[in-house]
Amino acid sequence: MSTRRRTLLTAAALWLPVAAFAAPITMGFSQVGAESEWRTANSASIKAAAKAAGITLKFADAQQKQENQVKALRSFIAQKVDVIAFSPVVESGWDTVLKEAKAAGIPVILTDRAVKVADPSLYVTFIGSDFVEEGRKAARWLLERAAKTPNATLNIVELQGTVGSAPAIDRKKGFEEVIKTNPKLQIIRSQSGEFTRAKGKEVMESFLKQRDKKIDVLFAHNDDMAIGAIQAIEEAGLKPGQDIVIISIDGVRGAFEAMKAGKLNVTVECNPLLGPQLMQLAQDVVAKKPVEKRITVEEGVFPAEVAAKELPNRKY
């Protein structure tokens, strides 16, 4: 090869974008599990986005157990991944393993669920929904409905999510904060349905067997539990959506189908399609670019009246 040609090739190489020389990123991601339609869509979004971004993804399913998640995080640290992302099963108990990640120089991104740690610098950023606001939105919808019959007392039963999890804690907090403005709205029973359809059905069956007070409203912390509860209500000879008003959170296709069938009254959206934003965040974090500490996803409220029109637009 001539000296002139070598010089031209070298000069051309200098003009190549920096990305052409950047080493590929490896991300370790620990998922809560596969307990709901929402979680399945969330996992699919993350896997597809990683592939599209050219990021090597090491994906671990914690099966809703914190000990499995801690083991996964330690495995990612041992493998010296470039960045760790995870959706924590519960809020507390993460300080030790996150300190290990920090000591190893591996940045951590929280997705979907937050943690409570003594040192907030143990994670770089959090991307996800405002669960407290989701609870408020559900309660505001109920307040508006209750205003149409101002003298009526409404007995509410609540299907909570996984005990100790951020969405269960925050959705309950937001819902109670708003309904306390109307003393005629009372939560008479509240129990965890573990975010699953089967457990939601089981707990609703137990609520229905307690006949001391009539149940007017069901507030479910996610759509899957609501759908399980709908089965229990029907098996008890009642009409879901009519005899018992049903409010839930997530906005999955199953909820829109239930609303279209007249069995669910409203769902508050919780967007699971975080993959593309997460991969961009990972790239920025690894490149040491500044990022916001808290990134909130925009979401809406969908009453049954719009379900048929909106259903074809749902991606999850």
C-alpha atoms as a PDB file:
ATOM      1  CA  MET A   1       0.000   0.000   0.000  1.00  0.00           C
ATOM      2  CA  SER A   2       1.368   3.446  -0.904  1.00  0.00           C
ATOM      3  CA  THR A   3       2.277   5.975   1.773  1.00  0.00           C
ATOM      4  CA  ARG A   4      -0.280   8.405   0.336  1.00  0.00           C
ATOM      5  CA  ARG A   5      -3.083   5.800   0.551  1.00  0.00           C
ATOM      6  CA  ARG A   6      -2.153   4.939   4.150  1.00  0.00           C
ATOM      7  CA  THR A   7      -2.226   8.648   5.018  1.00  0.00           C
ATOM      8  CA  LEU A   8      -5.677   9.085   3.455  1.00  0.00           C
ATOM      9  CA  LEU A   9      -7.069   6.046   5.317  1.00  0.00           C
ATOM     10  CA  THR A  10      -5.650   7.303   8.608  1.00  0.00           C
ATOM     11  CA  ALA A  11      -7.139  10.754   8.008  1.00  0.00           C
ATOM     12  CA  ALA A  12     -10.544   9.212   7.181  1.00  0.00           C
ATOM     13  CA  ALA A  13     -10.436   7.157  10.363  1.00  0.00           C
ATOM     14  CA  LEU A  14      -9.965  10.325  12.398  1.00  0.00           C
ATOM     15  CA  TRP A  15     -13.322  11.587  11.104  1.00  0.00           C
ATOM     16  CA  LEU A  16     -15.258   8.458  12.106  1.00  0.00           C
ATOM     17  CA  PRO A  17     -17.794   9.085  14.907  1.00  0.00           C
ATOM     18  CA  VAL A  18     -16.661   8.242  18.425  1.00  0.00           C
ATOM     19  CA  ALA A  19     -19.406   5.593  18.613  1.00  0.00           C
ATOM     20  CA  ALA A  20     -17.571   3.575  15.969  1.00  0.00           C
ATOM     21  CA  PHE A  21     -14.758   3.000  18.490  1.00  0.00           C
ATOM     22  CA  ALA A  22     -16.921   2.630  21.613  1.00  0.00           C
ATOM     23  CA  ALA A  23     -16.897  -0.750  23.278  1.00  0.00           C
ATOM     24  CA  PRO A  24     -20.303  -2.459  23.378  1.00  0.00           C
ATOM     25  CA  ILE A  25     -22.162  -2.103  26.679  1.00  0.00           C
ATOM     26  CA  THR A  26     -23.114  -5.105  28.820  1.00  0.00           C
ATOM     27  CA  MET A  27     -26.112  -4.630  31.098  1.00  0.00           C
ATOM     28  CA  GLY A  28     -27.153  -6.911  33.921  1.00  0.00           C
ATOM     29  CA  PHE A  29     -30.932  -6.668  34.437  1.00  0.00           C
ATOM     30  CA  SER A  30     -32.860  -8.277  37.294  1.00  0.00           C
ATOM     31  CA  GLN A  31     -36.623  -8.480  36.756  1.00  0.00           C
ATOM     32  CA  VAL A  32     -39.187  -8.968  39.531  1.00  0.00           C
ATOM     33  CA  GLY A  33     -40.788 -11.951  37.800  1.00  0.00           C
ATOM     34  CA  ALA A  34     -43.586 -12.669  35.343  1.00  0.00           C
ATOM     35  CA  GLU A  35     -46.560 -12.176  37.645  1.00  0.00           C
ATOM     36  CA  SER A  36     -48.745 -10.104  35.318  1.00  0.00           C
ATOM     37  CA  GLU A  37     -49.460  -8.963  31.770  1.00  0.00           C
ATOM     38  CA  TRP A  38     -47.732  -5.702  32.687  1.00  0.00           C
ATOM     39  CA  ARG A  39     -44.514  -7.426  33.761  1.00  0.00           C
ATOM     40  CA  THR A  40     -44.454  -9.599  30.634  1.00  0.00           C
ATOM     41  CA  ALA A  41     -44.758  -6.495  28.441  1.00  0.00           C
ATOM     42  CA  ASN A  42     -42.060  -4.727  30.490  1.00  0.00           C
ATOM     43  CA  SER A  43     -39.602  -7.609  30.027  1.00  0.00           C
ATOM     44  CA  ALA A  44     -40.323  -7.831  26.290  1.00  0.00           C
ATOM     45  CA  SER A  45     -39.739  -4.078  25.890  1.00  0.00           C
ATOM     46  CA  ILE A  46     -36.378  -4.254  27.695  1.00  0.00           C
ATOM     47  CA  LYS A  47     -35.147  -7.251  25.699  1.00  0.00           C
ATOM     48  CA  ALA A  48     -36.190  -5.757  22.346  1.00  0.00           C
ATOM     49  CA  ALA A  49     -34.688  -2.348  23.147  1.00  0.00           C
ATOM     50  CA  ALA A  50     -31.373  -3.867  24.251  1.00  0.00           C
ATOM     51  CA  LYS A  51     -31.119  -5.764  20.979  1.00  0.00           C
ATOM     52  CA  ALA A  52     -31.969  -2.658  18.950  1.00  0.00           C
ATOM     53  CA  ALA A  53     -29.363  -0.600  20.829  1.00  0.00           C
ATOM     54  CA  GLY A  54     -26.629  -3.224  20.454  1.00  0.00           C
ATOM     55  CA  ILE A  55     -26.436  -3.699  24.230  1.00  0.00           C
ATOM     56  CA  THR A  56     -25.556  -7.159  25.555  1.00  0.00           C
ATOM     57  CA  LEU A  57     -28.274  -8.026  28.079  1.00  0.00           C
ATOM     58  CA  LYS A  58     -27.840 -10.483  30.926  1.00  0.00           C
ATOM     59  CA  PHE A  59     -31.447 -10.998  32.088  1.00  0.00           C
ATOM     60  CA  ALA A  60     -32.398 -12.645  35.400  1.00  0.00           C
ATOM     61  CA  ASP A  61     -35.934 -13.430  36.643  1.00  0.00           C
ATOM     62  CA  ALA A  62     -36.173 -13.118  40.440  1.00  0.00           C
ATOM     63  CA  GLN A  63     -39.511 -14.970  40.638  1.00  0.00           C
ATOM     64  CA  GLN A  64     -40.728 -12.317  43.122  1.00  0.00           C
ATOM     65  CA  LYS A  65     -38.051 -13.195  45.709  1.00  0.00           C
ATOM     66  CA  GLN A  66     -35.633 -10.598  47.014  1.00  0.00           C
ATOM     67  CA  GLU A  67     -32.957 -13.186  47.786  1.00  0.00           C
ATOM     68  CA  ASN A  68     -32.937 -14.227  44.116  1.00  0.00           C
ATOM     69  CA  GLN A  69     -32.533 -10.609  43.090  1.00  0.00           C
ATOM     70  CA  VAL A  70     -29.620 -10.009  45.470  1.00  0.00           C
ATOM     71  CA  LYS A  71     -27.875 -13.133  44.093  1.00  0.00           C
ATOM     72  CA  ALA A  72     -28.417 -11.859  40.531  1.00  0.00           C
ATOM     73  CA  LEU A  73     -26.950  -8.447  41.352  1.00  0.00           C
ATOM     74  CA  ARG A  74     -23.889 -10.073  42.962  1.00  0.00           C
ATOM     75  CA  SER A  75     -23.499 -12.264  39.887  1.00  0.00           C
ATOM     76  CA  PHE A  76     -23.562  -9.177  37.650  1.00  0.00           C
ATOM     77  CA  ILE A  77     -20.907  -7.547  39.855  1.00  0.00           C
ATOM     78  CA  ALA A  78     -18.716 -10.663  39.607  1.00  0.00           C
ATOM     79  CA  GLN A  79     -19.134 -10.638  35.827  1.00  0.00           C
ATOM     80  CA  LYS A  80     -18.016  -6.981  35.760  1.00  0.00           C
ATOM     81  CA  VAL A  81     -20.939  -5.741  33.672  1.00  0.00           C
ATOM     82  CA  ASP A  82     -20.885  -2.073  32.613  1.00  0.00           C
ATOM     83  CA  VAL A  83     -24.205  -1.157  34.195  1.00  0.00           C
ATOM     84  CA  ILE A  84     -26.823  -2.824  36.404  1.00  0.00           C
ATOM     85  CA  ALA A  85     -30.554  -2.141  36.112  1.00  0.00           C
ATOM     86  CA  PHE A  86     -33.260  -3.754  38.189  1.00  0.00           C
ATOM     87  CA  SER A  87     -36.876  -3.510  39.258  1.00  0.00           C
ATOM     88  CA  PRO A  88     -36.768  -4.209  43.025  1.00  0.00           C
ATOM     89  CA  VAL A  89     -39.200  -6.734  44.486  1.00  0.00           C
ATOM     90  CA  VAL A  90     -39.531  -4.675  47.691  1.00  0.00           C
ATOM     91  CA  GLU A  91     -38.331  -1.219  48.764  1.00  0.00           C
ATOM     92  CA  SER A  92     -35.929  -2.016  51.610  1.00  0.00           C
ATOM     93  CA  GLY A  93     -32.930  -4.270  52.186  1.00  0.00           C
ATOM     94  CA  TRP A  94     -30.713  -3.128  49.287  1.00  0.00           C
ATOM     95  CA  ASP A  95     -27.989  -1.077  51.003  1.00  0.00           C
ATOM     96  CA  THR A  96     -25.380  -3.841  51.272  1.00  0.00           C
ATOM     97  CA  VAL A  97     -25.518  -5.157  47.695  1.00  0.00           C
ATOM     98  CA  LEU A  98     -25.725  -1.652  46.217  1.00  0.00           C
ATOM     99  CA  LYS A  99     -22.630  -0.668  48.203  1.00  0.00           C
ATOM    100  CA  GLU A 100     -20.889  -3.670  46.625  1.00  0.00           C
ATOM    101  CA  ALA A 101     -21.873  -2.440  43.152  1.00  0.00           C
ATOM    102  CA  LYS A 102     -20.630   1.071  43.947  1.00  0.00           C
ATOM    103  CA  ALA A 103     -17.326  -0.284  45.281  1.00  0.00           C
ATOM    104  CA  ALA A 104     -16.925  -2.208  42.011  1.00  0.00           C
ATOM    105  CA  GLY A 105     -17.511   1.001  40.046  1.00  0.00           C
ATOM    106  CA  ILE A 106     -20.710  -0.314  38.425  1.00  0.00           C
ATOM    107  CA  PRO A 107     -23.525   2.272  38.107  1.00  0.00           C
ATOM    108  CA  VAL A 108     -27.057   1.175  39.039  1.00  0.00           C
ATOM    109  CA  ILE A 109     -30.324   2.249  37.403  1.00  0.00           C
ATOM    110  CA  LEU A 110     -33.670   1.563  39.083  1.00  0.00           C
ATOM    111  CA  THR A 111     -36.605   0.785  36.802  1.00  0.00           C
ATOM    112  CA  ASP A 112     -40.328   0.784  37.599  1.00  0.00           C
ATOM    113  CA  ARG A 113     -39.888   0.527  41.385  1.00  0.00           C
ATOM    114  CA  ALA A 114     -37.909   2.640  43.840  1.00  0.00           C
ATOM    115  CA  VAL A 115     -35.806   1.628  46.858  1.00  0.00           C
ATOM    116  CA  LYS A 116     -35.294   3.082  50.331  1.00  0.00           C
ATOM    117  CA  VAL A 117     -31.572   3.387  51.059  1.00  0.00           C
ATOM    118  CA  ALA A 118     -29.601   5.485  53.551  1.00  0.00           C
ATOM    119  CA  ASP A 119     -27.344   6.775  50.760  1.00  0.00           C
ATOM    120  CA  PRO A 120     -29.170   7.850  47.555  1.00  0.00           C
ATOM    121  CA  SER A 121     -25.848   7.907  45.673  1.00  0.00           C
ATOM    122  CA  LEU A 122     -25.956   4.080  45.650  1.00  0.00           C
ATOM    123  CA  TYR A 123     -28.031   4.373  42.476  1.00  0.00           C
ATOM    124  CA  VAL A 124     -27.648   6.861  39.629  1.00  0.00           C
ATOM    125  CA  THR A 125     -31.227   7.331  38.500  1.00  0.00           C
ATOM    126  CA  PHE A 126     -34.751   5.943  38.652  1.00  0.00           C
ATOM    127  CA  ILE A 127     -37.075   5.643  35.673  1.00  0.00           C
ATOM    128  CA  GLY A 128     -40.700   4.708  36.151  1.00  0.00           C
ATOM    129  CA  SER A 129     -44.191   5.733  37.142  1.00  0.00           C
ATOM    130  CA  ASP A 130     -45.386   7.917  39.993  1.00  0.00           C
ATOM    131  CA  PHE A 131     -47.275   5.241  41.950  1.00  0.00           C
ATOM    132  CA  VAL A 132     -48.652   7.681  44.513  1.00  0.00           C
ATOM    133  CA  GLU A 133     -50.159   9.747  41.716  1.00  0.00           C
ATOM    134  CA  GLU A 134     -51.655   6.580  40.179  1.00  0.00           C
ATOM    135  CA  GLY A 135     -53.448   5.930  43.476  1.00  0.00           C
ATOM    136  CA  ARG A 136     -54.655   9.529  43.523  1.00  0.00           C
ATOM    137  CA  LYS A 137     -55.964   9.265  39.955  1.00  0.00           C
ATOM    138  CA  ALA A 138     -57.950   6.132  40.851  1.00  0.00           C
ATOM    139  CA  ALA A 139     -59.452   7.879  43.889  1.00  0.00           C
ATOM    140  CA  ARG A 140     -60.268  11.085  41.987  1.00  0.00           C
ATOM    141  CA  TRP A 141     -62.250   9.050  39.462  1.00  0.00           C
ATOM    142  CA  LEU A 142     -64.190   7.486  42.343  1.00  0.00           C
ATOM    143  CA  LEU A 143     -64.804  10.876  43.995  1.00  0.00           C
ATOM    144  CA  GLU A 144     -66.325  12.186  40.772  1.00  0.00           C
ATOM    145  CA  ARG A 145     -68.576   9.153  40.501  1.00  0.00           C
ATOM    146  CA  ALA A 146     -69.580   9.408  44.180  1.00  0.00           C
ATOM    147  CA  ALA A 147     -70.499  13.067  43.698  1.00  0.00           C
ATOM    148  CA  LYS A 148     -73.399  11.965  41.486  1.00  0.00           C
ATOM    149  CA  THR A 149     -75.023  10.302  44.538  1.00  0.00           C
ATOM    150  CA  PRO A 150     -73.774  12.591  47.346  1.00  0.00           C
ATOM    151  CA  ASN A 151     -75.714  10.953  50.183  1.00  0.00           C
ATOM    152  CA  ALA A 152     -74.598   7.401  49.448  1.00  0.00           C
ATOM    153  CA  THR A 153     -72.031   5.608  51.612  1.00  0.00           C
ATOM    154  CA  LEU A 154     -69.642   3.489  49.552  1.00  0.00           C
ATOM    155  CA  ASN A 155     -67.898   0.485  51.091  1.00  0.00           C
ATOM    156  CA  ILE A 156     -64.570  -0.188  49.378  1.00  0.00           C
ATOM    157  CA  VAL A 157     -62.478  -3.371  49.394  1.00  0.00           C
ATOM    158  CA  GLU A 158     -58.837  -3.146  48.371  1.00  0.00           C
ATOM    159  CA  LEU A 159     -56.614  -5.720  46.691  1.00  0.00           C
ATOM    160  CA  GLN A 160     -53.082  -4.634  47.502  1.00  0.00           C
ATOM    161  CA  GLY A 161     -49.972  -5.582  45.568  1.00  0.00           C
ATOM    162  CA  THR A 162     -46.956  -7.476  46.937  1.00  0.00           C
ATOM    163  CA  VAL A 163     -46.391  -6.612  50.611  1.00  0.00           C
ATOM    164  CA  GLY A 164     -43.499  -4.156  50.986  1.00  0.00           C
ATOM    165  CA  SER A 165     -43.306  -3.293  47.285  1.00  0.00           C
ATOM    166  CA  ALA A 166     -43.174   0.343  46.166  1.00  0.00           C
ATOM    167  CA  PRO A 167     -46.321   0.216  43.983  1.00  0.00           C
ATOM    168  CA  ALA A 168     -48.375  -1.415  46.751  1.00  0.00           C
ATOM    169  CA  ILE A 169     -47.240   1.101  49.369  1.00  0.00           C
ATOM    170  CA  ASP A 170     -47.558   4.150  47.128  1.00  0.00           C
ATOM    171  CA  ARG A 171     -50.811   3.299  45.353  1.00  0.00           C
ATOM    172  CA  LYS A 172     -52.483   2.711  48.710  1.00  0.00           C
ATOM    173  CA  LYS A 173     -51.052   5.969  50.054  1.00  0.00           C
ATOM    174  CA  GLY A 174     -52.261   8.023  47.067  1.00  0.00           C
ATOM    175  CA  PHE A 175     -55.719   6.439  47.045  1.00  0.00           C
ATOM    176  CA  GLU A 176     -56.278   6.961  50.788  1.00  0.00           C
ATOM    177  CA  GLU A 177     -54.983  10.541  50.617  1.00  0.00           C
ATOM    178  CA  VAL A 178     -57.761  11.495  48.187  1.00  0.00           C
ATOM    179  CA  ILE A 179     -60.729   9.453  49.439  1.00  0.00           C
ATOM    180  CA  LYS A 180     -60.351  10.758  52.999  1.00  0.00           C
ATOM    181  CA  THR A 181     -61.762  14.047  51.681  1.00  0.00           C
ATOM    182  CA  ASN A 182     -65.140  12.264  51.477  1.00  0.00           C
ATOM    183  CA  PRO A 183     -66.046  10.519  54.773  1.00  0.00           C
ATOM    184  CA  LYS A 184     -68.737   8.483  52.981  1.00  0.00           C
ATOM    185  CA  LEU A 185     -65.997   6.519  51.166  1.00  0.00           C
ATOM    186  CA  GLN A 186     -64.684   3.838  53.510  1.00  0.00           C
ATOM    187  CA  ILE A 187     -62.168   1.012  52.945  1.00  0.00           C
ATOM    188  CA  ILE A 188     -63.712  -1.870  54.872  1.00  0.00           C
ATOM    189  CA  ARG A 189     -61.239  -4.604  53.892  1.00  0.00           C
ATOM    190  CA  SER A 190     -57.709  -4.568  52.497  1.00  0.00           C
ATOM    191  CA  GLN A 191     -55.444  -7.508  51.740  1.00  0.00           C
ATOM    192  CA  SER A 192     -52.566  -8.398  49.417  1.00  0.00           C
ATOM    193  CA  GLY A 193     -53.387 -10.242  46.225  1.00  0.00           C
ATOM    194  CA  GLU A 194     -49.663 -10.361  45.353  1.00  0.00           C
ATOM    195  CA  PHE A 195     -50.280  -8.716  41.955  1.00  0.00           C
ATOM    196  CA  THR A 196     -51.447 -12.068  40.519  1.00  0.00           C
ATOM    197  CA  ARG A 197     -54.737 -13.064  38.926  1.00  0.00           C
ATOM    198  CA  ALA A 198     -55.055 -16.272  40.973  1.00  0.00           C
ATOM    199  CA  LYS A 199     -54.441 -14.579  44.318  1.00  0.00           C
ATOM    200  CA  GLY A 200     -56.731 -11.690  43.384  1.00  0.00           C
ATOM    201  CA  LYS A 201     -59.542 -14.188  42.783  1.00  0.00           C
ATOM    202  CA  GLU A 202     -58.824 -16.020  46.037  1.00  0.00           C
ATOM    203  CA  VAL A 203     -58.799 -12.877  48.189  1.00  0.00           C
ATOM    204  CA  MET A 204     -61.929 -11.475  46.516  1.00  0.00           C
ATOM    205  CA  GLU A 205     -63.721 -14.758  47.263  1.00  0.00           C
ATOM    206  CA  SER A 206     -62.863 -14.310  50.944  1.00  0.00           C
ATOM    207  CA  PHE A 207     -64.086 -10.681  50.866  1.00  0.00           C
ATOM    208  CA  LEU A 208     -67.406 -11.773  49.357  1.00  0.00           C
ATOM    209  CA  LYS A 209     -67.932 -14.448  52.025  1.00  0.00           C
ATOM    210  CA  GLN A 210     -67.775 -11.789  54.758  1.00  0.00           C
ATOM    211  CA  ARG A 211     -71.379 -10.587  54.543  1.00  0.00           C
ATOM    212  CA  ASP A 212     -71.355  -8.060  57.404  1.00  0.00           C
ATOM    213  CA  LYS A 213     -71.193  -5.148  54.955  1.00  0.00           C
ATOM    214  CA  LYS A 214     -72.218  -4.802  51.315  1.00  0.00           C
ATOM    215  CA  ILE A 215     -69.276  -4.253  48.942  1.00  0.00           C
ATOM    216  CA  ASP A 216     -69.846  -1.300  46.624  1.00  0.00           C
ATOM    217  CA  VAL A 217     -66.376  -0.732  45.167  1.00  0.00           C
ATOM    218  CA  LEU A 218     -63.245  -2.771  44.496  1.00  0.00           C
ATOM    219  CA  PHE A 219     -59.903  -0.969  44.194  1.00  0.00           C
ATOM    220  CA  ALA A 220     -57.246  -3.329  42.811  1.00  0.00           C
ATOM    221  CA  HIS A 221     -53.590  -2.291  42.708  1.00  0.00           C
ATOM    222  CA  ASN A 222     -53.240  -3.912  39.284  1.00  0.00           C
ATOM    223  CA  ASP A 223     -55.383  -5.185  36.407  1.00  0.00           C
ATOM    224  CA  ASP A 224     -54.479  -8.850  36.840  1.00  0.00           C
ATOM    225  CA  MET A 225     -55.847  -8.937  40.393  1.00  0.00           C
ATOM    226  CA  ALA A 226     -58.954  -7.094  39.173  1.00  0.00           C
ATOM    227  CA  ILE A 227     -59.492  -9.676  36.428  1.00  0.00           C
ATOM    228  CA  GLY A 228     -59.134 -12.483  38.982  1.00  0.00           C
ATOM    229  CA  ALA A 229     -61.607 -10.674  41.249  1.00  0.00           C
ATOM    230  CA  ILE A 230     -64.088 -10.342  38.351  1.00  0.00           C
ATOM    231  CA  GLN A 231     -64.173 -14.152  38.120  1.00  0.00           C
ATOM    232  CA  ALA A 232     -64.908 -14.393  41.856  1.00  0.00           C
ATOM    233  CA  ILE A 233     -67.671 -11.777  41.629  1.00  0.00           C
ATOM    234  CA  GLU A 234     -69.337 -13.586  38.720  1.00  0.00           C
ATOM    235  CA  GLU A 235     -69.114 -16.933  40.493  1.00  0.00           C
ATOM    236  CA  ALA A 236     -70.852 -15.311  43.475  1.00  0.00           C
ATOM    237  CA  GLY A 237     -73.797 -14.450  41.193  1.00  0.00           C
ATOM    238  CA  LEU A 238     -73.054 -10.724  40.998  1.00  0.00           C
ATOM    239  CA  LYS A 239     -72.372  -8.463  38.035  1.00  0.00           C
ATOM    240  CA  PRO A 240     -68.869  -6.943  38.056  1.00  0.00           C
ATOM    241  CA  GLY A 241     -68.875  -3.334  36.942  1.00  0.00           C
ATOM    242  CA  GLN A 242     -72.515  -2.946  37.995  1.00  0.00           C
ATOM    243  CA  ASP A 243     -73.165  -4.528  41.398  1.00  0.00           C
ATOM    244  CA  ILE A 244     -69.562  -3.755  42.353  1.00  0.00           C
ATOM    245  CA  VAL A 245     -67.696  -0.842  40.756  1.00  0.00           C
ATOM    246  CA  ILE A 246     -64.169  -1.941  39.823  1.00  0.00           C
ATOM    247  CA  ILE A 247     -61.149   0.363  39.648  1.00  0.00           C
ATOM    248  CA  SER A 248     -57.689  -0.921  38.772  1.00  0.00           C
ATOM    249  CA  ILE A 249     -54.230   0.177  37.658  1.00  0.00           C
ATOM    250  CA  ASP A 250     -51.914  -0.748  34.736  1.00  0.00           C
ATOM    251  CA  GLY A 251     -53.909  -0.339  31.535  1.00  0.00           C
ATOM    252  CA  VAL A 252     -53.121  -3.733  29.971  1.00  0.00           C
ATOM    253  CA  ARG A 253     -55.151  -5.149  27.076  1.00  0.00           C
ATOM    254  CA  GLY A 254     -56.979  -7.522  29.402  1.00  0.00           C
ATOM    255  CA  ALA A 255     -58.356  -4.553  31.330  1.00  0.00           C
ATOM    256  CA  PHE A 256     -59.574  -2.861  28.150  1.00  0.00           C
ATOM    257  CA  GLU A 257     -61.262  -6.098  27.077  1.00  0.00           C
ATOM    258  CA  ALA A 258     -62.947  -6.316  30.505  1.00  0.00           C
ATOM    259  CA  MET A 259     -64.111  -2.692  30.219  1.00  0.00           C
ATOM    260  CA  LYS A 260     -65.443  -3.312  26.716  1.00  0.00           C
ATOM    261  CA  ALA A 261     -67.428  -6.236  28.163  1.00  0.00           C
ATOM    262  CA  GLY A 262     -68.821  -3.966  30.889  1.00  0.00           C
ATOM    263  CA  LYS A 263     -67.036  -5.794  33.734  1.00  0.00           C
ATOM    264  CA  LEU A 264     -64.435  -3.155  34.711  1.00  0.00           C
ATOM    265  CA  ASN A 265     -65.151   0.547  35.189  1.00  0.00           C
ATOM    266  CA  VAL A 266     -61.783   2.274  34.892  1.00  0.00           C
ATOM    267  CA  THR A 267     -58.049   1.568  34.665  1.00  0.00           C
ATOM    268  CA  VAL A 268     -55.241   3.991  35.456  1.00  0.00           C
ATOM    269  CA  GLU A 269     -52.344   3.632  33.040  1.00  0.00           C
ATOM    270  CA  CYS A 270     -48.905   2.449  34.192  1.00  0.00           C
ATOM    271  CA  ASN A 271     -46.681   2.280  31.109  1.00  0.00           C
ATOM    272  CA  PRO A 272     -44.427  -0.825  30.991  1.00  0.00           C
ATOM    273  CA  LEU A 273     -42.672   0.062  27.721  1.00  0.00           C
ATOM    274  CA  LEU A 274     -39.578   1.463  29.418  1.00  0.00           C
ATOM    275  CA  GLY A 275     -37.010  -0.386  27.281  1.00  0.00           C
ATOM    276  CA  PRO A 276     -35.967   2.348  24.806  1.00  0.00           C
ATOM    277  CA  GLN A 277     -35.630   5.001  27.525  1.00  0.00           C
ATOM    278  CA  LEU A 278     -33.714   2.572  29.753  1.00  0.00           C
ATOM    279  CA  MET A 279     -31.192   1.751  27.027  1.00  0.00           C
ATOM    280  CA  GLN A 280     -30.615   5.432  26.272  1.00  0.00           C
ATOM    281  CA  LEU A 281     -30.157   6.076  29.992  1.00  0.00           C
ATOM    282  CA  ALA A 282     -27.667   3.190  30.223  1.00  0.00           C
ATOM    283  CA  GLN A 283     -25.633   4.613  27.351  1.00  0.00           C
ATOM    284  CA  ASP A 284     -25.632   8.078  28.948  1.00  0.00           C
ATOM    285  CA  VAL A 285     -24.695   6.731  32.376  1.00  0.00           C
ATOM    286  CA  VAL A 286     -21.821   4.612  31.052  1.00  0.00           C
ATOM    287  CA  ALA A 287     -20.611   7.634  29.071  1.00  0.00           C
ATOM    288  CA  LYS A 288     -20.760   9.613  32.373  1.00  0.00           C
ATOM    289  CA  LYS A 289     -23.250  12.113  30.978  1.00  0.00           C
ATOM    290  CA  PRO A 290     -25.461  13.927  33.524  1.00  0.00           C
ATOM    291  CA  VAL A 291     -28.938  12.392  33.975  1.00  0.00           C
ATOM    292  CA  GLU A 292     -31.962  13.321  36.095  1.00  0.00           C
ATOM    293  CA  LYS A 293     -32.233  11.480  39.427  1.00  0.00           C
ATOM    294  CA  ARG A 294     -35.956  10.817  38.864  1.00  0.00           C
ATOM    295  CA  ILE A 295     -37.517  10.280  35.435  1.00  0.00           C
ATOM    296  CA  THR A 296     -41.322   9.937  35.450  1.00  0.00           C
ATOM    297  CA  VAL A 297     -43.323   8.392  32.627  1.00  0.00           C
ATOM    298  CA  GLU A 298     -46.422  10.230  31.318  1.00  0.00           C
ATOM    299  CA  GLU A 299     -49.634   8.236  31.782  1.00  0.00           C
ATOM    300  CA  GLY A 300     -53.418   8.591  31.470  1.00  0.00           C
ATOM    301  CA  VAL A 301     -56.733   7.418  32.933  1.00  0.00           C
ATOM    302  CA  PHE A 302     -59.075   5.269  30.833  1.00  0.00           C
ATOM    303  CA  PRO A 303     -62.735   4.854  31.875  1.00  0.00           C
ATOM    304  CA  ALA A 304     -64.917   2.151  30.337  1.00  0.00           C
ATOM    305  CA  GLU A 305     -66.561   4.668  27.973  1.00  0.00           C
ATOM    306  CA  VAL A 306     -63.381   4.941  25.881  1.00  0.00           C
ATOM    307  CA  ALA A 307     -62.302   1.276  26.067  1.00  0.00           C
ATOM    308  CA  ALA A 308     -63.676   0.111  22.706  1.00  0.00           C
ATOM    309  CA  LYS A 309     -62.100   3.043  20.853  1.00  0.00           C
ATOM    310  CA  GLU A 310     -58.764   2.787  22.650  1.00  0.00           C
ATOM    311  CA  LEU A 311     -58.335  -1.010  22.597  1.00  0.00           C
ATOM    312  CA  PRO A 312     -56.879  -1.222  19.059  1.00  0.00           C
ATOM    313  CA  ASN A 313     -54.193   1.300  20.082  1.00  0.00           C
ATOM    314  CA  ARG A 314     -52.889  -0.691  23.047  1.00  0.00           C
ATOM    315  CA  LYS A 315     -49.422  -2.150  22.603  1.00  0.00           C
ATOM    316  CA  TYR A 316     -49.500  -4.279  25.730  1.00  0.00           C
END
